[in-house]
Amino acid sequence: MVPLMLKLFNTLTRKKEIFKPLKNKEVGFYTCGPTTYDYAHIGNFRTYVWQDVLKRWLLFKGFKVKHVMNLTDVDDKTIKGSRKEGMSLKEFTQKYNKVFFDDMKSLNILPADVFPKATEHVDEMVDMIKVLMKKGIAYETNDGIYFDISKFKNYGKLSKLKITELKAGARVRSDLYTKEEVQDFALWKFWDKEDGNVFWDTVIGNGRPGWHVECSAMSMKYLGETFDIHTGGIDLTFPHHENEIAQSEAVTGKKFVNYWLHGEHLLVDGQKMSKSLGNFYTLRDILDKGYDAKVIRYLLLSANFKHQLNFTFQSLDAAKNTVDSLFNFLKRLKDVKNNKSNPKVKGLIKKVQKEFKGAMDDNLNTNDALASLFKFINGINNLIDSNAVGKNDAKAVGNIVLDFDKILGLDLKSALKERKLPKEAEQLIEDRERARAKGDFKAADEIRNRLKEEFGILVEDTKEGVKWRRQ
């Protein structure tokens, strides 16, 4: 039986709740995917990484997860972008779909089971709108079909807007608007010249869907009228997710989603990311600076998703050192030669399992989970220094670290295999050994320095022979 002690902070109730799926051992999980009009920035990927950690943790705990992530390939931004570049909407969005999938792969984010495109689900959106019109909750104007927020009595329950703030009768056509614009929102936008050749000929008129109805139609098609988890960045709480709830529940008369999870913003150098401030970075900007994607992933998951994360290049450098320390630790375990087991190791393993899993069950507290992991590593390193860890102990410790990496997603096992020395570095180590054997310690020291400066390799002379590790 799957343990049900996972607690998640539900935006809907503003409290941590024990997670109980609708179906035993099965989880319906929807994430708001990208609007494919540009390269995703590191703030976007902070959200996608913690969502991936959540999925990995659910799988680790034995749940079956049906994961749906939409691709918004028709909205105000995609149409504007495609016209600017002189490309068809399909050609334009396919370009950025590929970019997004490549970036996801770089960060080792598990793919969703379904990636529905908005343009391929217009029929489902039209069906929803027809129901809302029949119920008198949606109405037609000269420029589109709008959802009447005054007809949905619980509007505002997710974002905690007060009914007195609602501006019934006022309308907003744009997909993006602020909290001050609490107005009827567009379900369907009749064609105008700004749309170019982007429109669908339907029974409700020639036009295209509004952004909000897209997610409702696609999520319910693949996960049902009520499902378990819906996630996104904190900025999507209003208006996007508020509108999703209103239109979905108005159609079905049922609760739309049981657990709403929203991640906090990523800051850069203590400020909101902005092109005007010169602190706006896509994932590829960071990769082009020479940073490994695993290092970026580690930094993005290092703080609990409910806390703001301040991105700096100093913190990224620290993350690189931390990831390197994990590789070096796993390599050090392979070098253990002692045959005598130590009961203290078993005790440390039992403790870290309890602490790590307890932290993850507490609303994905990755900060505390990582702290418990490095405390464990420090304890094992101290025992290795005293030659108090046996080969079987080392193997068990390595398995625990790799087990936890199934959640962290750093892919330490395959990366460890890849971290072989370049041939030139191997040759230098052999040359150094020959120099030492001849008593030419000056030459040996020069080679040691060269290995450090050119390859970042630290050479250590031990009782068991020469060993190396990355700086």
Protein backbone atom coordinates (compact mmCIF):
# COMPACT_ATOMS: atom_id res chain seq x y z
CA MET A 1 0.00 0.00 0.00
CA VAL A 2 1.29 3.45 -0.93
CA PRO A 3 2.01 5.59 2.14
CA LEU A 4 -0.15 8.72 2.08
CA MET A 5 1.90 11.00 4.28
CA LEU A 6 2.94 13.37 1.52
CA LYS A 7 1.81 16.88 2.45
CA LEU A 8 1.41 19.56 -0.21
CA PHE A 9 0.58 23.24 0.15
CA ASN A 10 -2.72 23.72 -1.65
CA THR A 11 -3.20 27.24 -2.99
CA LEU A 12 -6.95 26.65 -2.94
CA THR A 13 -7.07 26.19 0.84
CA ARG A 14 -3.86 28.06 1.72
CA LYS A 15 -2.61 25.18 3.88
CA LYS A 16 -0.62 21.96 3.75
CA GLU A 17 -2.81 18.94 3.17
CA ILE A 18 -2.13 15.20 3.14
CA PHE A 19 -2.18 14.16 -0.49
CA LYS A 20 -4.90 11.65 -1.30
CA PRO A 21 -5.42 10.89 -4.99
CA LEU A 22 -8.87 10.26 -6.44
CA LYS A 23 -7.78 6.76 -7.43
CA ASN A 24 -5.56 4.67 -5.21
CA LYS A 25 -1.96 4.72 -6.50
CA GLU A 26 -2.91 6.76 -9.61
CA VAL A 27 -2.31 10.50 -9.98
CA GLY A 28 -3.71 12.82 -12.63
CA PHE A 29 -1.12 15.60 -12.97
CA TYR A 30 -1.37 18.69 -15.21
CA THR A 31 1.29 21.32 -15.71
CA CYS A 32 0.87 24.53 -17.65
CA GLY A 33 3.46 24.20 -20.38
CA PRO A 34 5.15 26.87 -22.47
CA THR A 35 3.73 29.37 -24.90
CA THR A 36 5.97 28.50 -27.82
CA TYR A 37 6.85 31.91 -29.19
CA ASP A 38 10.39 32.35 -27.79
CA TYR A 39 13.17 30.67 -25.82
CA ALA A 40 12.10 29.77 -22.28
CA HIS A 41 13.99 31.67 -19.57
CA ILE A 42 15.51 30.31 -16.37
CA GLY A 43 12.49 31.44 -14.36
CA ASN A 44 10.29 29.22 -16.52
CA PHE A 45 12.68 26.34 -16.00
CA ARG A 46 12.72 26.79 -12.24
CA THR A 47 9.00 25.96 -12.41
CA TYR A 48 9.48 23.01 -14.76
CA VAL A 49 12.29 21.60 -12.58
CA TRP A 50 10.31 21.63 -9.32
CA GLN A 51 7.36 20.12 -11.15
CA ASP A 52 9.71 17.39 -12.36
CA VAL A 53 10.92 16.81 -8.79
CA LEU A 54 7.29 16.46 -7.69
CA LYS A 55 6.64 13.92 -10.42
CA ARG A 56 9.80 11.99 -9.57
CA TRP A 57 8.85 11.96 -5.89
CA LEU A 58 5.37 10.63 -6.66
CA LEU A 59 6.91 7.88 -8.80
CA PHE A 60 9.49 7.13 -6.10
CA LYS A 61 6.66 6.67 -3.59
CA GLY A 62 5.01 4.11 -5.85
CA PHE A 63 2.29 6.14 -7.51
CA LYS A 64 1.41 5.81 -11.17
CA VAL A 65 1.42 9.27 -12.68
CA LYS A 66 -0.44 10.38 -15.80
CA HIS A 67 1.24 13.65 -16.65
CA VAL A 68 -0.14 16.13 -19.15
CA MET A 69 1.74 19.29 -20.19
CA ASN A 70 0.12 21.53 -22.77
CA LEU A 71 1.82 23.48 -25.54
CA THR A 72 0.18 26.85 -26.13
CA ASP A 73 0.70 27.27 -29.88
CA VAL A 74 -2.04 29.80 -30.53
CA ASP A 75 -2.56 32.98 -28.52
CA ASP A 76 -1.81 36.70 -28.79
CA LYS A 77 1.97 36.18 -28.47
CA THR A 78 2.35 33.33 -30.97
CA ILE A 79 0.29 35.11 -33.61
CA LYS A 80 2.22 38.35 -33.15
CA GLY A 81 5.56 36.50 -33.24
CA SER A 82 4.76 34.47 -36.36
CA ARG A 83 3.63 37.59 -38.25
CA LYS A 84 6.76 39.46 -37.19
CA GLU A 85 9.01 36.65 -38.50
CA GLY A 86 6.93 36.18 -41.66
CA MET A 87 6.21 32.53 -40.88
CA SER A 88 3.04 30.49 -40.66
CA LEU A 89 1.81 29.95 -37.11
CA LYS A 90 2.51 26.21 -37.36
CA GLU A 91 6.02 26.68 -38.70
CA PHE A 92 6.77 29.34 -36.09
CA THR A 93 5.54 27.36 -33.08
CA GLN A 94 7.11 24.10 -34.26
CA LYS A 95 10.47 25.87 -34.18
CA TYR A 96 10.04 26.82 -30.53
CA ASN A 97 8.46 23.47 -29.63
CA LYS A 98 11.71 21.81 -30.67
CA VAL A 99 13.77 24.35 -28.74
CA PHE A 100 11.70 23.67 -25.64
CA PHE A 101 12.04 19.89 -25.89
CA ASP A 102 15.80 20.19 -26.40
CA ASP A 103 16.06 22.39 -23.30
CA MET A 104 13.94 19.96 -21.28
CA LYS A 105 16.25 17.13 -22.29
CA SER A 106 19.31 19.16 -21.31
CA LEU A 107 17.91 19.63 -17.80
CA ASN A 108 16.93 15.94 -17.57
CA ILE A 109 13.25 16.79 -17.08
CA LEU A 110 11.10 13.70 -17.56
CA PRO A 111 8.75 14.08 -20.55
CA ALA A 112 5.01 14.22 -19.95
CA ASP A 113 2.83 11.34 -21.07
CA VAL A 114 0.87 13.73 -23.29
CA PHE A 115 1.88 17.07 -24.82
CA PRO A 116 -1.41 18.35 -26.27
CA LYS A 117 -1.24 21.32 -28.61
CA ALA A 118 -3.93 23.96 -28.39
CA THR A 119 -4.34 24.09 -32.18
CA GLU A 120 -5.24 20.39 -32.22
CA HIS A 121 -8.00 20.71 -29.60
CA VAL A 122 -10.14 23.56 -30.87
CA ASP A 123 -13.18 21.26 -31.26
CA GLU A 124 -13.08 20.48 -27.53
CA MET A 125 -12.85 24.20 -26.74
CA VAL A 126 -15.82 24.99 -28.99
CA ASP A 127 -17.86 22.28 -27.26
CA MET A 128 -17.12 23.86 -23.86
CA ILE A 129 -18.09 27.31 -25.07
CA LYS A 130 -21.35 25.99 -26.54
CA VAL A 131 -22.27 24.55 -23.13
CA LEU A 132 -21.46 27.82 -21.38
CA MET A 133 -23.58 29.76 -23.88
CA LYS A 134 -26.48 27.35 -23.48
CA LYS A 135 -26.32 27.79 -19.71
CA GLY A 136 -26.33 31.57 -20.09
CA ILE A 137 -22.87 31.91 -18.51
CA ALA A 138 -21.20 33.02 -21.74
CA TYR A 139 -22.42 35.80 -24.04
CA GLU A 140 -21.59 37.09 -27.49
CA THR A 141 -20.40 40.60 -28.40
CA ASN A 142 -19.20 42.12 -31.65
CA ASP A 143 -15.61 40.96 -31.05
CA GLY A 144 -16.01 37.61 -29.33
CA ILE A 145 -17.65 35.36 -26.75
CA TYR A 146 -17.06 36.16 -23.10
CA PHE A 147 -17.44 34.41 -19.75
CA ASP A 148 -19.74 36.31 -17.40
CA ILE A 149 -17.93 36.17 -14.06
CA SER A 150 -21.02 37.40 -12.20
CA LYS A 151 -22.74 34.12 -13.12
CA PHE A 152 -20.13 32.02 -11.30
CA LYS A 153 -20.65 32.59 -7.59
CA ASN A 154 -17.29 31.20 -6.47
CA TYR A 155 -15.17 33.30 -8.79
CA GLY A 156 -12.05 34.37 -6.91
CA LYS A 157 -11.80 31.35 -4.62
CA LEU A 158 -8.29 30.43 -5.79
CA SER A 159 -6.74 33.91 -5.79
CA LYS A 160 -8.90 35.00 -2.80
CA LEU A 161 -10.34 37.98 -4.63
CA LYS A 162 -13.26 39.64 -2.90
CA ILE A 163 -16.58 39.69 -4.68
CA THR A 164 -16.74 43.48 -4.21
CA GLU A 165 -13.68 43.81 -6.42
CA LEU A 166 -15.27 42.06 -9.38
CA LYS A 167 -16.16 44.33 -12.24
CA ALA A 168 -19.16 42.53 -13.67
CA GLY A 169 -20.03 43.68 -17.18
CA ALA A 170 -16.54 44.98 -17.97
CA ARG A 171 -14.64 42.92 -20.52
CA VAL A 172 -11.00 42.22 -21.36
CA ARG A 173 -10.04 40.68 -24.70
CA SER A 174 -6.33 40.32 -24.04
CA ASP A 175 -5.02 37.01 -22.66
CA LEU A 176 -2.71 38.82 -20.23
CA TYR A 177 -4.02 41.27 -17.69
CA THR A 178 -3.49 42.33 -14.08
CA LYS A 179 -5.33 41.74 -10.82
CA GLU A 180 -6.84 45.19 -11.15
CA GLU A 181 -8.62 44.04 -14.31
CA VAL A 182 -11.14 41.62 -12.79
CA GLN A 183 -13.45 41.47 -15.77
CA ASP A 184 -15.31 39.11 -18.04
CA PHE A 185 -12.72 37.26 -20.11
CA ALA A 186 -12.66 36.10 -23.72
CA LEU A 187 -13.47 32.47 -24.42
CA TRP A 188 -13.52 32.97 -28.20
CA LYS A 189 -12.12 35.84 -30.22
CA PHE A 190 -13.74 36.63 -33.54
CA TRP A 191 -11.30 37.10 -36.38
CA ASP A 192 -9.78 40.55 -36.94
CA LYS A 193 -7.00 41.76 -39.21
CA GLU A 194 -4.37 41.38 -36.45
CA ASP A 195 -4.89 37.59 -36.62
CA GLY A 196 -3.87 37.42 -40.29
CA ASN A 197 -4.77 33.97 -41.60
CA VAL A 198 -5.12 32.40 -38.13
CA PHE A 199 -8.77 31.42 -37.53
CA TRP A 200 -11.07 28.42 -37.30
CA ASP A 201 -14.43 28.22 -39.09
CA THR A 202 -16.76 26.89 -36.38
CA VAL A 203 -20.44 26.87 -35.40
CA ILE A 204 -19.72 29.69 -32.94
CA GLY A 205 -18.09 31.85 -35.59
CA ASN A 206 -14.78 32.39 -37.36
CA GLY A 207 -12.04 33.04 -34.85
CA ARG A 208 -9.74 31.49 -32.31
CA PRO A 209 -9.85 30.43 -28.67
CA GLY A 210 -8.80 32.56 -25.71
CA TRP A 211 -5.81 31.30 -23.75
CA HIS A 212 -7.71 30.29 -20.62
CA VAL A 213 -10.19 27.92 -22.25
CA GLU A 214 -7.34 26.02 -23.92
CA CYS A 215 -6.00 24.51 -20.68
CA SER A 216 -9.45 23.59 -19.40
CA ALA A 217 -10.36 21.71 -22.56
CA MET A 218 -7.05 19.87 -22.84
CA SER A 219 -6.68 18.95 -19.16
CA MET A 220 -10.21 17.56 -18.88
CA LYS A 221 -9.89 15.61 -22.14
CA TYR A 222 -6.90 13.65 -20.87
CA LEU A 223 -7.43 13.63 -17.08
CA GLY A 224 -11.18 13.82 -16.63
CA GLU A 225 -13.58 16.44 -15.31
CA THR A 226 -11.93 16.27 -11.88
CA PHE A 227 -8.27 15.42 -11.39
CA ASP A 228 -5.63 15.50 -8.66
CA ILE A 229 -2.89 18.07 -9.23
CA HIS A 230 -2.57 21.25 -11.30
CA THR A 231 0.71 23.16 -11.12
CA GLY A 232 2.22 26.39 -12.37
CA GLY A 233 4.11 29.51 -11.41
CA ILE A 234 2.63 31.86 -8.81
CA ASP A 235 1.91 34.40 -11.56
CA LEU A 236 -0.63 32.02 -13.12
CA THR A 237 -2.87 31.97 -10.03
CA PHE A 238 -4.75 34.96 -11.43
CA PRO A 239 -6.10 35.31 -14.00
CA HIS A 240 -5.25 32.07 -15.78
CA HIS A 241 -5.97 29.42 -13.16
CA GLU A 242 -8.87 31.37 -11.64
CA ASN A 243 -10.47 31.44 -15.07
CA GLU A 244 -9.75 27.77 -15.66
CA ILE A 245 -11.67 26.90 -12.50
CA ALA A 246 -14.61 29.14 -13.38
CA GLN A 247 -15.16 27.89 -16.92
CA SER A 248 -14.47 24.22 -16.10
CA GLU A 249 -16.74 24.01 -13.07
CA ALA A 250 -19.43 26.05 -14.82
CA VAL A 251 -19.47 23.43 -17.59
CA THR A 252 -19.37 20.29 -15.46
CA GLY A 253 -20.86 21.34 -12.12
CA LYS A 254 -18.00 19.40 -10.51
CA LYS A 255 -14.83 20.35 -8.67
CA PHE A 256 -12.12 20.88 -11.27
CA VAL A 257 -8.88 20.17 -9.37
CA ASN A 258 -8.19 18.96 -5.82
CA TYR A 259 -4.64 20.29 -5.30
CA TRP A 260 -3.33 23.52 -6.79
CA LEU A 261 0.45 23.97 -6.47
CA HIS A 262 2.19 27.22 -7.35
CA GLY A 263 5.92 27.92 -7.27
CA GLU A 264 7.42 31.24 -6.26
CA HIS A 265 9.39 33.57 -8.53
CA LEU A 266 13.03 33.28 -9.49
CA LEU A 267 14.94 36.48 -8.83
CA VAL A 268 18.22 37.41 -10.50
CA ASP A 269 20.67 39.34 -8.34
CA GLY A 270 17.81 40.10 -5.97
CA GLN A 271 15.57 41.64 -8.63
CA LYS A 272 12.77 40.51 -10.88
CA MET A 273 14.20 39.29 -14.16
CA SER A 274 13.89 41.93 -16.88
CA LYS A 275 15.54 42.60 -20.23
CA SER A 276 15.68 46.30 -19.36
CA LEU A 277 17.77 45.48 -16.26
CA GLY A 278 20.13 43.28 -18.24
CA ASN A 279 19.45 40.31 -15.94
CA PHE A 280 17.25 38.27 -18.30
CA TYR A 281 18.67 34.85 -19.13
CA THR A 282 17.40 31.95 -21.18
CA LEU A 283 18.71 28.48 -20.37
CA ARG A 284 20.88 28.67 -23.47
CA ASP A 285 22.43 31.94 -22.31
CA ILE A 286 23.70 30.14 -19.20
CA LEU A 287 24.85 27.06 -21.12
CA ASP A 288 26.75 29.30 -23.53
CA LYS A 289 28.71 30.65 -20.56
CA GLY A 290 30.12 27.17 -20.04
CA TYR A 291 27.93 25.92 -17.21
CA ASP A 292 26.79 22.31 -17.17
CA ALA A 293 23.02 21.75 -17.35
CA LYS A 294 23.27 19.51 -14.27
CA VAL A 295 24.67 22.44 -12.30
CA ILE A 296 21.82 24.69 -13.44
CA ARG A 297 19.28 22.02 -12.51
CA TYR A 298 20.83 21.61 -9.07
CA LEU A 299 20.63 25.33 -8.36
CA LEU A 300 17.01 25.53 -9.54
CA LEU A 301 15.90 22.71 -7.23
CA SER A 302 18.05 23.67 -4.24
CA ALA A 303 15.36 25.82 -2.59
CA ASN A 304 11.81 24.79 -1.74
CA PHE A 305 9.46 25.73 -4.58
CA LYS A 306 7.32 27.84 -2.21
CA HIS A 307 10.29 30.13 -1.53
CA GLN A 308 11.77 32.67 -3.89
CA LEU A 309 15.16 31.66 -5.30
CA ASN A 310 17.80 34.30 -5.96
CA PHE A 311 19.89 33.36 -8.99
CA THR A 312 23.43 34.75 -9.12
CA PHE A 313 26.52 33.54 -10.91
CA GLN A 314 28.18 33.20 -7.50
CA SER A 315 25.43 30.78 -6.47
CA LEU A 316 25.83 28.97 -9.77
CA ASP A 317 29.55 28.57 -9.13
CA ALA A 318 28.74 27.23 -5.66
CA ALA A 319 26.29 24.79 -7.24
CA LYS A 320 29.04 23.61 -9.58
CA ASN A 321 31.31 22.89 -6.61
CA THR A 322 28.49 21.03 -4.90
CA VAL A 323 27.71 18.85 -7.91
CA ASP A 324 31.43 18.14 -8.34
CA SER A 325 31.59 17.11 -4.69
CA LEU A 326 28.84 14.56 -5.32
CA PHE A 327 30.78 13.08 -8.24
CA ASN A 328 33.98 13.01 -6.22
CA PHE A 329 32.22 11.34 -3.31
CA LEU A 330 30.86 8.56 -5.52
CA LYS A 331 34.29 8.09 -7.05
CA ARG A 332 35.86 7.96 -3.60
CA LEU A 333 33.44 5.19 -2.58
CA LYS A 334 34.70 3.08 -5.49
CA ASP A 335 38.24 3.41 -4.16
CA VAL A 336 37.41 1.89 -0.75
CA LYS A 337 39.47 -1.30 -0.29
CA ASN A 338 38.69 -2.20 3.32
CA ASN A 339 36.89 -5.54 3.71
CA LYS A 340 35.61 -4.95 7.25
CA SER A 341 32.10 -3.51 7.54
CA ASN A 342 31.23 -0.84 10.09
CA PRO A 343 27.81 -0.93 11.85
CA LYS A 344 27.94 2.89 12.13
CA VAL A 345 27.42 3.11 8.36
CA LYS A 346 24.12 1.25 8.57
CA GLY A 347 22.98 3.65 11.28
CA LEU A 348 23.88 6.68 9.15
CA ILE A 349 22.02 5.18 6.17
CA LYS A 350 18.89 4.61 8.23
CA LYS A 351 19.03 8.17 9.55
CA VAL A 352 19.48 9.85 6.18
CA GLN A 353 16.66 7.81 4.64
CA LYS A 354 14.30 9.01 7.35
CA GLU A 355 15.43 12.64 7.13
CA PHE A 356 15.55 12.89 3.33
CA LYS A 357 12.19 11.24 2.79
CA GLY A 358 10.62 13.19 5.64
CA ALA A 359 11.77 16.46 4.09
CA MET A 360 10.44 15.52 0.66
CA ASP A 361 7.08 14.51 2.15
CA ASP A 362 6.93 17.96 3.75
CA ASN A 363 5.81 19.87 0.66
CA LEU A 364 8.91 18.88 -1.35
CA ASN A 365 11.33 20.56 1.05
CA THR A 366 14.38 20.05 -1.16
CA ASN A 367 16.44 22.42 0.96
CA ASP A 368 16.19 20.20 4.06
CA ALA A 369 16.45 17.03 1.97
CA LEU A 370 19.76 18.19 0.49
CA ALA A 371 21.01 19.29 3.92
CA SER A 372 20.39 15.78 5.28
CA LEU A 373 22.16 14.26 2.27
CA PHE A 374 25.31 16.35 2.70
CA LYS A 375 25.36 15.79 6.44
CA PHE A 376 25.31 12.07 5.66
CA ILE A 377 28.11 12.43 3.09
CA ASN A 378 30.22 14.36 5.57
CA GLY A 379 29.78 11.62 8.17
CA ILE A 380 30.76 8.90 5.68
CA ASN A 381 33.79 10.90 4.52
CA ASN A 382 34.98 11.14 8.12
CA LEU A 383 34.71 7.38 8.47
CA ILE A 384 36.58 6.83 5.20
CA ASP A 385 39.33 9.12 6.45
CA SER A 386 39.67 6.77 9.42
CA ASN A 387 39.63 3.70 7.16
CA ALA A 388 36.41 2.69 8.93
CA VAL A 389 34.25 1.96 5.88
CA GLY A 390 34.19 -1.43 4.18
CA LYS A 391 33.64 -2.18 0.49
CA ASN A 392 30.12 -3.43 1.12
CA ASP A 393 29.41 -0.33 3.21
CA ALA A 394 30.66 1.87 0.38
CA LYS A 395 28.45 0.06 -2.11
CA ALA A 396 25.39 0.53 0.11
CA VAL A 397 26.19 4.22 0.58
CA GLY A 398 26.59 4.71 -3.16
CA ASN A 399 23.26 3.02 -3.78
CA ILE A 400 21.54 5.39 -1.35
CA VAL A 401 22.99 8.46 -3.06
CA LEU A 402 21.97 7.15 -6.48
CA ASP A 403 18.54 6.28 -5.09
CA PHE A 404 18.04 9.86 -3.96
CA ASP A 405 19.30 11.04 -7.32
CA LYS A 406 16.23 9.45 -8.89
CA ILE A 407 14.38 12.39 -7.31
CA LEU A 408 17.05 15.04 -7.80
CA GLY A 409 17.48 14.06 -11.45
CA LEU A 410 21.18 14.94 -11.70
CA ASP A 411 21.85 11.63 -13.45
CA LEU A 412 24.94 11.04 -11.33
CA LYS A 413 25.38 7.43 -12.39
CA SER A 414 25.75 8.05 -16.11
CA ALA A 415 27.64 11.28 -15.55
CA LEU A 416 30.11 9.45 -13.30
CA LYS A 417 30.86 7.07 -16.16
CA GLU A 418 31.46 10.03 -18.43
CA ARG A 419 33.91 11.67 -16.07
CA LYS A 420 36.91 9.79 -17.36
CA LEU A 421 40.22 11.54 -17.72
CA PRO A 422 41.22 12.95 -21.10
CA LYS A 423 43.98 10.87 -22.69
CA GLU A 424 46.46 13.72 -22.30
CA ALA A 425 45.72 13.92 -18.55
CA GLU A 426 46.14 10.14 -18.22
CA GLN A 427 49.50 10.39 -19.95
CA LEU A 428 50.59 13.20 -17.62
CA ILE A 429 49.75 11.10 -14.56
CA GLU A 430 51.84 8.25 -15.97
CA ASP A 431 54.70 10.68 -16.70
CA ARG A 432 54.50 11.97 -13.15
CA GLU A 433 54.71 8.45 -11.73
CA ARG A 434 57.82 7.77 -13.80
CA ALA A 435 59.38 11.05 -12.60
CA ARG A 436 58.68 10.15 -8.96
CA ALA A 437 60.13 6.68 -9.49
CA LYS A 438 63.35 8.33 -10.76
CA GLY A 439 63.40 10.72 -7.80
CA ASP A 440 62.74 13.74 -10.02
CA PHE A 441 60.26 15.37 -7.63
CA LYS A 442 60.64 18.78 -9.25
CA ALA A 443 59.31 17.41 -12.55
CA ALA A 444 56.58 15.53 -10.66
CA ASP A 445 55.45 18.75 -8.97
CA GLU A 446 55.43 20.60 -12.28
CA ILE A 447 53.21 17.91 -13.79
CA ARG A 448 50.92 18.03 -10.72
CA ASN A 449 50.52 21.79 -11.19
CA ARG A 450 49.85 21.40 -14.89
CA LEU A 451 47.12 18.81 -14.22
CA LYS A 452 45.47 21.21 -11.79
CA GLU A 453 45.70 24.32 -13.99
CA GLU A 454 44.88 22.80 -17.39
CA PHE A 455 42.47 20.01 -16.47
CA GLY A 456 41.22 20.85 -12.97
CA ILE A 457 42.60 17.51 -11.75
CA LEU A 458 43.98 17.15 -8.22
CA VAL A 459 46.47 14.30 -7.77
CA GLU A 460 46.92 12.68 -4.36
CA ASP A 461 49.60 10.23 -3.30
CA THR A 462 48.16 7.66 -0.88
CA LYS A 463 49.18 4.36 0.68
CA GLU A 464 47.07 2.62 -1.96
CA GLY A 465 48.83 4.50 -4.76
CA VAL A 466 48.14 7.63 -6.78
CA LYS A 467 44.54 8.88 -6.87
CA TRP A 468 42.94 11.77 -8.70
CA ARG A 469 39.79 13.82 -8.33
CA ARG A 470 38.35 16.83 -10.06
CA GLN A 471 38.89 20.20 -8.47
